[in-house]
């Protein structure tokens, strides 16, 4: 994607968003397929981060080398921190998929706007309006319903723990919210491509470190497992994540956030047809309640400062 061409037409941006959301929704499905070939969660995340960083490197260094070399130490540290949070987000989300269904995983991970709002209050000392607090309470109620519906359910893998899966999904959401909050600050002064490259590269270092600490071997798995990691990287990391960040220049963040809430629904549909994952009525109810709360928070968030190109 050439980011230096003339500004695209509105319908082209919406096509980009639609394609990226569709690609992103297939991410958990790729993880599920990789699991079938005994690919560890740490390895899946690490390889997708490394491959994405490598894919962006030639383009970024050929066009944005001077901007990267001149980036302030403050922004560099923030970018590294954002990459670290992004890596934690992916590791927790991927590991969670070993224990709970795609629907519950994606609905809980999708609560990141709730945690962004909470961070604004606790860290940035912002004041939230009443409707945001109502949305947070509604989402919390939905989370309780999900927890009750999942507590007695068998996990996805043998000897798994559905409660642990829920906790990991929430950790993933918190990591995503921290990554998004930091990104809003950096994107005021740093262009899209260098920022994404810095996030992917620092995230690669973090996830590789986790891989080494856990002594997870990189080689020796079925070639089809590596294939699904490659598909995951292209669909979820490059097209899904990258394109939505690109569209942020042309569409309000609220619009993209609301659009992103369709991902759990689409992912659940893929899982229903491909893995016969049929959610219970209580799980669907909890998911709907959470989505309502998240959408209420998104709709009442303040419009952030417009990012640079």
Protein backbone atom coordinates (compact mmCIF):
# COMPACT_ATOMS: atom_id res chain seq x y z
CA UNK A 1 0.00 0.00 0.00
CA UNK A 2 1.52 3.31 -1.09
CA UNK A 3 0.89 5.78 1.69
CA UNK A 4 2.22 8.72 -0.32
CA UNK A 5 -0.38 8.66 -3.10
CA UNK A 6 -3.27 11.12 -3.40
CA UNK A 7 -5.87 10.95 -0.69
CA UNK A 8 -8.28 8.09 -1.43
CA UNK A 9 -11.98 8.64 -2.05
CA UNK A 10 -14.42 7.96 0.83
CA UNK A 11 -15.77 4.77 -0.72
CA UNK A 12 -12.20 3.46 -1.12
CA UNK A 13 -11.54 4.01 2.59
CA UNK A 14 -14.69 2.11 3.54
CA UNK A 15 -13.65 -0.74 1.23
CA UNK A 16 -10.26 -0.81 2.99
CA UNK A 17 -11.98 -0.90 6.39
CA UNK A 18 -14.36 -3.67 5.30
CA UNK A 19 -11.50 -5.80 3.95
CA UNK A 20 -9.36 -5.21 7.04
CA UNK A 21 -12.18 -6.12 9.45
CA UNK A 22 -12.93 -9.26 7.44
CA UNK A 23 -9.23 -10.21 7.51
CA UNK A 24 -8.93 -9.42 11.23
CA UNK A 25 -11.94 -11.56 12.10
CA UNK A 26 -10.22 -14.61 10.61
CA UNK A 27 -7.21 -14.20 12.93
CA UNK A 28 -8.51 -16.39 15.79
CA UNK A 29 -9.43 -19.03 13.23
CA UNK A 30 -5.84 -19.13 11.96
CA UNK A 31 -4.68 -19.56 15.57
CA UNK A 32 -7.09 -22.46 16.01
CA UNK A 33 -5.72 -24.15 12.88
CA UNK A 34 -2.13 -23.59 14.09
CA UNK A 35 -3.05 -25.22 17.41
CA UNK A 36 -4.07 -28.34 15.49
CA UNK A 37 -0.39 -28.73 14.51
CA UNK A 38 0.82 -28.28 18.11
CA UNK A 39 2.16 -24.78 17.56
CA UNK A 40 2.66 -23.15 21.02
CA UNK A 41 0.94 -19.76 21.60
CA UNK A 42 4.28 -18.06 22.34
CA UNK A 43 5.69 -19.24 19.03
CA UNK A 44 2.60 -18.18 17.07
CA UNK A 45 2.75 -14.64 18.46
CA UNK A 46 6.52 -14.29 18.15
CA UNK A 47 6.64 -15.43 14.52
CA UNK A 48 3.72 -13.21 13.46
CA UNK A 49 5.41 -10.19 15.05
CA UNK A 50 8.80 -10.96 13.50
CA UNK A 51 7.32 -11.61 10.04
CA UNK A 52 5.29 -8.37 10.17
CA UNK A 53 8.36 -6.38 11.22
CA UNK A 54 10.43 -7.89 8.40
CA UNK A 55 7.66 -7.20 5.87
CA UNK A 56 7.48 -3.50 6.81
CA UNK A 57 11.24 -2.91 7.13
CA UNK A 58 12.22 -2.33 3.43
CA UNK A 59 9.35 0.11 2.85
CA UNK A 60 9.80 2.03 6.10
CA UNK A 61 13.58 2.37 5.86
CA UNK A 62 13.48 3.41 2.21
CA UNK A 63 10.98 6.22 2.84
CA UNK A 64 11.06 7.10 6.53
CA UNK A 65 14.66 6.46 7.56
CA UNK A 66 15.34 10.12 8.40
CA UNK A 67 12.18 10.44 10.50
CA UNK A 68 13.06 7.31 12.48
CA UNK A 69 16.62 8.49 13.09
CA UNK A 70 15.35 11.88 14.29
CA UNK A 71 12.62 10.55 16.55
CA UNK A 72 12.89 11.89 20.08
CA UNK A 73 14.02 9.64 22.91
CA UNK A 74 10.66 10.21 24.60
CA UNK A 75 8.67 9.02 21.57
CA UNK A 76 11.07 6.13 21.04
CA UNK A 77 10.54 4.90 24.59
CA UNK A 78 6.78 5.30 24.20
CA UNK A 79 6.85 3.31 20.95
CA UNK A 80 8.84 0.52 22.64
CA UNK A 81 6.34 0.50 25.50
CA UNK A 82 3.45 0.38 23.00
CA UNK A 83 5.10 -2.56 21.25
CA UNK A 84 5.56 -4.31 24.58
CA UNK A 85 1.87 -3.86 25.43
CA UNK A 86 0.90 -5.04 21.96
CA UNK A 87 3.01 -8.16 22.42
CA UNK A 88 1.41 -8.86 25.82
CA UNK A 89 -2.00 -8.31 24.25
CA UNK A 90 -1.32 -10.90 21.54
CA UNK A 91 0.29 -13.49 23.84
CA UNK A 92 -2.61 -13.31 26.32
CA UNK A 93 -5.23 -13.41 23.57
CA UNK A 94 -3.62 -16.35 21.74
CA UNK A 95 -3.09 -18.38 24.92
CA UNK A 96 -6.67 -17.65 25.94
CA UNK A 97 -7.89 -19.36 22.77
CA UNK A 98 -6.54 -22.63 24.18
CA UNK A 99 -9.11 -22.47 26.95
CA UNK A 100 -12.26 -20.66 25.75
CA UNK A 101 -14.30 -20.31 22.58
CA UNK A 102 -13.60 -17.76 19.87
CA UNK A 103 -16.80 -15.88 20.71
CA UNK A 104 -15.98 -15.35 24.39
CA UNK A 105 -12.34 -14.62 23.61
CA UNK A 106 -13.12 -11.95 21.03
CA UNK A 107 -15.93 -10.32 23.00
CA UNK A 108 -13.71 -9.96 26.08
CA UNK A 109 -10.69 -8.79 24.07
CA UNK A 110 -13.00 -6.29 22.38
CA UNK A 111 -13.64 -4.53 25.69
CA UNK A 112 -10.43 -2.51 25.24
CA UNK A 113 -12.40 0.80 24.84
CA UNK A 114 -13.74 0.21 28.36
CA UNK A 115 -10.22 -0.11 29.73
CA UNK A 116 -9.08 2.94 27.72
CA UNK A 117 -11.79 4.96 29.47
CA UNK A 118 -10.70 3.60 32.86
CA UNK A 119 -7.06 4.47 32.09
CA UNK A 120 -8.11 8.01 31.20
CA UNK A 121 -9.59 8.38 34.67
CA UNK A 122 -6.91 6.59 36.70
CA UNK A 123 -3.77 7.69 34.83
CA UNK A 124 -4.64 10.77 32.78
CA UNK A 125 -6.99 12.14 35.48
CA UNK A 126 -9.75 12.74 32.92
CA UNK A 127 -13.41 13.12 33.78
CA UNK A 128 -15.88 10.79 32.08
CA UNK A 129 -19.47 11.70 31.41
CA UNK A 130 -22.36 9.78 32.88
CA UNK A 131 -23.10 7.75 29.74
CA UNK A 132 -19.57 6.34 29.66
CA UNK A 133 -19.91 5.20 33.26
CA UNK A 134 -23.24 3.57 32.41
CA UNK A 135 -21.56 1.80 29.48
CA UNK A 136 -18.78 0.55 31.77
CA UNK A 137 -21.34 -0.79 34.26
CA UNK A 138 -23.31 -2.51 31.48
CA UNK A 139 -20.13 -4.12 30.13
CA UNK A 140 -19.21 -5.26 33.65
CA UNK A 141 -22.62 -6.92 34.00
CA UNK A 142 -22.05 -8.65 30.67
CA UNK A 143 -18.66 -9.82 31.91
CA UNK A 144 -20.24 -11.32 35.02
CA UNK A 145 -22.74 -13.17 32.82
CA UNK A 146 -19.90 -14.48 30.64
CA UNK A 147 -17.94 -15.58 33.72
CA UNK A 148 -20.94 -17.43 35.15
CA UNK A 149 -21.68 -19.06 31.80
CA UNK A 150 -18.08 -20.18 31.36
CA UNK A 151 -17.12 -21.25 34.88
CA UNK A 152 -18.60 -24.73 34.61
CA UNK A 153 -17.85 -25.25 30.95
CA UNK A 154 -15.24 -27.65 29.64
CA UNK A 155 -12.19 -25.92 28.17
CA UNK A 156 -11.23 -26.10 24.52
CA UNK A 157 -8.13 -28.20 25.18
CA UNK A 158 -7.67 -31.18 27.47
CA UNK A 159 -6.64 -30.16 31.00
CA UNK A 160 -7.39 -26.55 30.09
CA UNK A 161 -8.98 -23.96 32.37
CA UNK A 162 -11.91 -21.89 31.11
CA UNK A 163 -11.59 -19.42 33.98
CA UNK A 164 -7.94 -18.87 33.09
CA UNK A 165 -9.01 -18.30 29.49
CA UNK A 166 -11.39 -15.53 30.58
CA UNK A 167 -8.69 -13.89 32.72
CA UNK A 168 -6.17 -14.02 29.87
CA UNK A 169 -8.69 -12.47 27.47
CA UNK A 170 -9.23 -9.60 29.92
CA UNK A 171 -5.45 -9.17 30.31
CA UNK A 172 -5.28 -9.00 26.53
CA UNK A 173 -7.93 -6.26 26.51
CA UNK A 174 -6.03 -4.26 29.14
CA UNK A 175 -2.80 -4.63 27.14
CA UNK A 176 -4.59 -3.44 24.00
CA UNK A 177 -6.03 -0.43 25.84
CA UNK A 178 -2.56 0.59 27.06
CA UNK A 179 -1.17 0.17 23.55
CA UNK A 180 -3.98 2.33 22.10
CA UNK A 181 -3.62 5.00 24.78
CA UNK A 182 0.14 5.29 24.19
CA UNK A 183 -0.39 5.24 20.42
CA UNK A 184 -2.71 8.25 20.55
CA UNK A 185 0.09 10.28 22.10
CA UNK A 186 2.79 9.17 19.66
CA UNK A 187 0.67 9.56 16.53
CA UNK A 188 0.38 13.29 17.15
CA UNK A 189 3.98 13.72 16.00
CA UNK A 190 5.04 10.42 14.37
CA UNK A 191 3.83 9.21 10.96
CA UNK A 192 1.86 6.00 10.55
CA UNK A 193 4.48 3.75 8.89
CA UNK A 194 7.40 4.47 11.28
CA UNK A 195 5.10 4.09 14.28
CA UNK A 196 3.76 0.71 13.16
CA UNK A 197 7.27 -0.51 12.34
CA UNK A 198 8.57 0.54 15.76
CA UNK A 199 5.65 -1.20 17.46
CA UNK A 200 6.10 -4.42 15.48
CA UNK A 201 9.86 -4.45 15.94
CA UNK A 202 9.83 -3.79 19.68
CA UNK A 203 6.98 -6.28 20.05
CA UNK A 204 9.10 -8.85 18.19
CA UNK A 205 11.95 -8.40 20.66
CA UNK A 206 9.60 -8.80 23.63
CA UNK A 207 7.87 -11.91 22.28
CA UNK A 208 11.18 -13.51 21.25
CA UNK A 209 12.43 -12.89 24.80
CA UNK A 210 9.34 -14.68 26.16
CA UNK A 211 10.02 -17.51 23.72
CA UNK A 212 13.58 -17.89 25.00
CA UNK A 213 12.55 -17.67 28.66
CA UNK A 214 9.96 -20.42 28.16
CA UNK A 215 12.48 -22.48 26.13
CA UNK A 216 10.03 -22.93 23.27
CA UNK A 217 11.73 -24.41 20.18
CA UNK A 218 11.25 -22.50 16.92
CA UNK A 219 11.85 -25.40 14.54
CA UNK A 220 10.56 -28.94 14.34
CA UNK A 221 6.83 -28.42 13.75
CA UNK A 222 4.60 -29.45 10.86
CA UNK A 223 4.98 -27.20 7.81
CA UNK A 224 1.20 -26.61 7.78
CA UNK A 225 1.47 -25.06 11.24
CA UNK A 226 3.96 -22.52 9.92
CA UNK A 227 1.64 -21.93 6.96
CA UNK A 228 -1.22 -20.89 9.26
CA UNK A 229 1.08 -18.52 11.14
CA UNK A 230 2.00 -16.94 7.80
CA UNK A 231 -1.69 -16.59 6.89
CA UNK A 232 -2.34 -15.11 10.35
CA UNK A 233 0.43 -12.57 9.83
CA UNK A 234 -0.84 -11.46 6.42
CA UNK A 235 -4.53 -11.32 7.35
CA UNK A 236 -4.61 -10.17 10.95
CA UNK A 237 -1.31 -8.34 11.39
CA UNK A 238 -0.61 -6.65 8.04
CA UNK A 239 -4.05 -6.27 6.44
CA UNK A 240 -6.24 -6.15 9.55
CA UNK A 241 -4.16 -4.17 12.01
CA UNK A 242 -2.15 -2.15 9.49
CA UNK A 243 -5.06 -1.07 7.28
CA UNK A 244 -7.26 0.01 10.18
CA UNK A 245 -4.43 2.16 11.55
CA UNK A 246 -4.02 3.68 8.07
CA UNK A 247 -7.76 4.42 7.86
CA UNK A 248 -7.50 6.31 11.17
CA UNK A 249 -6.18 9.29 9.17
CA UNK A 250 -9.39 9.53 7.16
CA UNK A 251 -12.14 8.32 9.49
CA UNK A 252 -13.06 9.29 13.07
CA UNK A 253 -11.67 6.85 15.68
CA UNK A 254 -15.23 6.37 16.97
CA UNK A 255 -16.34 5.09 13.56
CA UNK A 256 -13.47 2.60 13.42
CA UNK A 257 -14.04 1.49 17.01
CA UNK A 258 -17.71 0.80 16.36
CA UNK A 259 -16.81 -1.02 13.15
CA UNK A 260 -14.26 -3.09 15.05
CA UNK A 261 -17.01 -4.43 17.31
CA UNK A 262 -18.23 -6.51 14.35
CA UNK A 263 -15.05 -8.60 14.57
CA UNK A 264 -16.22 -10.82 17.49
CA UNK A 265 -19.47 -11.57 15.67
CA UNK A 266 -17.73 -12.45 12.42
CA UNK A 267 -15.08 -14.53 14.22
CA UNK A 268 -17.82 -16.44 16.06
CA UNK A 269 -19.54 -17.17 12.72
CA UNK A 270 -16.27 -18.55 11.27
CA UNK A 271 -15.79 -20.69 14.40
CA UNK A 272 -19.38 -21.96 14.21
CA UNK A 273 -18.96 -23.26 10.67
CA UNK A 274 -15.33 -24.42 10.86
CA UNK A 275 -15.11 -25.80 14.42
CA UNK A 276 -18.77 -26.27 15.40
CA UNK A 277 -18.32 -23.90 18.36
CA UNK A 278 -21.92 -23.30 19.42
CA UNK A 279 -22.25 -20.75 22.25
CA UNK A 280 -24.84 -21.22 24.96
CA UNK A 281 -27.77 -18.83 25.30
CA UNK A 282 -26.19 -17.33 28.45
CA UNK A 283 -22.89 -16.78 26.66
CA UNK A 284 -24.62 -15.06 23.75
CA UNK A 285 -26.57 -12.90 26.19
CA UNK A 286 -23.38 -11.90 28.03
CA UNK A 287 -21.68 -11.12 24.73
CA UNK A 288 -24.56 -8.91 23.59
CA UNK A 289 -24.61 -7.04 26.92
CA UNK A 290 -20.84 -6.43 26.73
CA UNK A 291 -21.11 -5.18 23.14
CA UNK A 292 -23.88 -2.79 24.17
CA UNK A 293 -21.72 -1.40 26.97
CA UNK A 294 -18.66 -1.04 24.74
CA UNK A 295 -20.66 0.71 21.99
CA UNK A 296 -22.10 3.12 24.56
CA UNK A 297 -18.60 3.99 25.78
CA UNK A 298 -17.30 4.45 22.22
CA UNK A 299 -20.23 6.67 21.23
CA UNK A 300 -19.59 9.01 24.16
CA UNK A 301 -15.81 9.26 24.00
CA UNK A 302 -14.27 12.64 23.29
CA UNK A 303 -12.90 13.15 19.81
CA UNK A 304 -9.08 12.85 20.08
CA UNK A 305 -6.54 15.18 18.47
CA UNK A 306 -6.14 14.44 14.76
CA UNK A 307 -3.04 12.37 14.02
CA UNK A 308 -0.37 13.26 11.49
CA UNK A 309 0.00 11.40 8.25
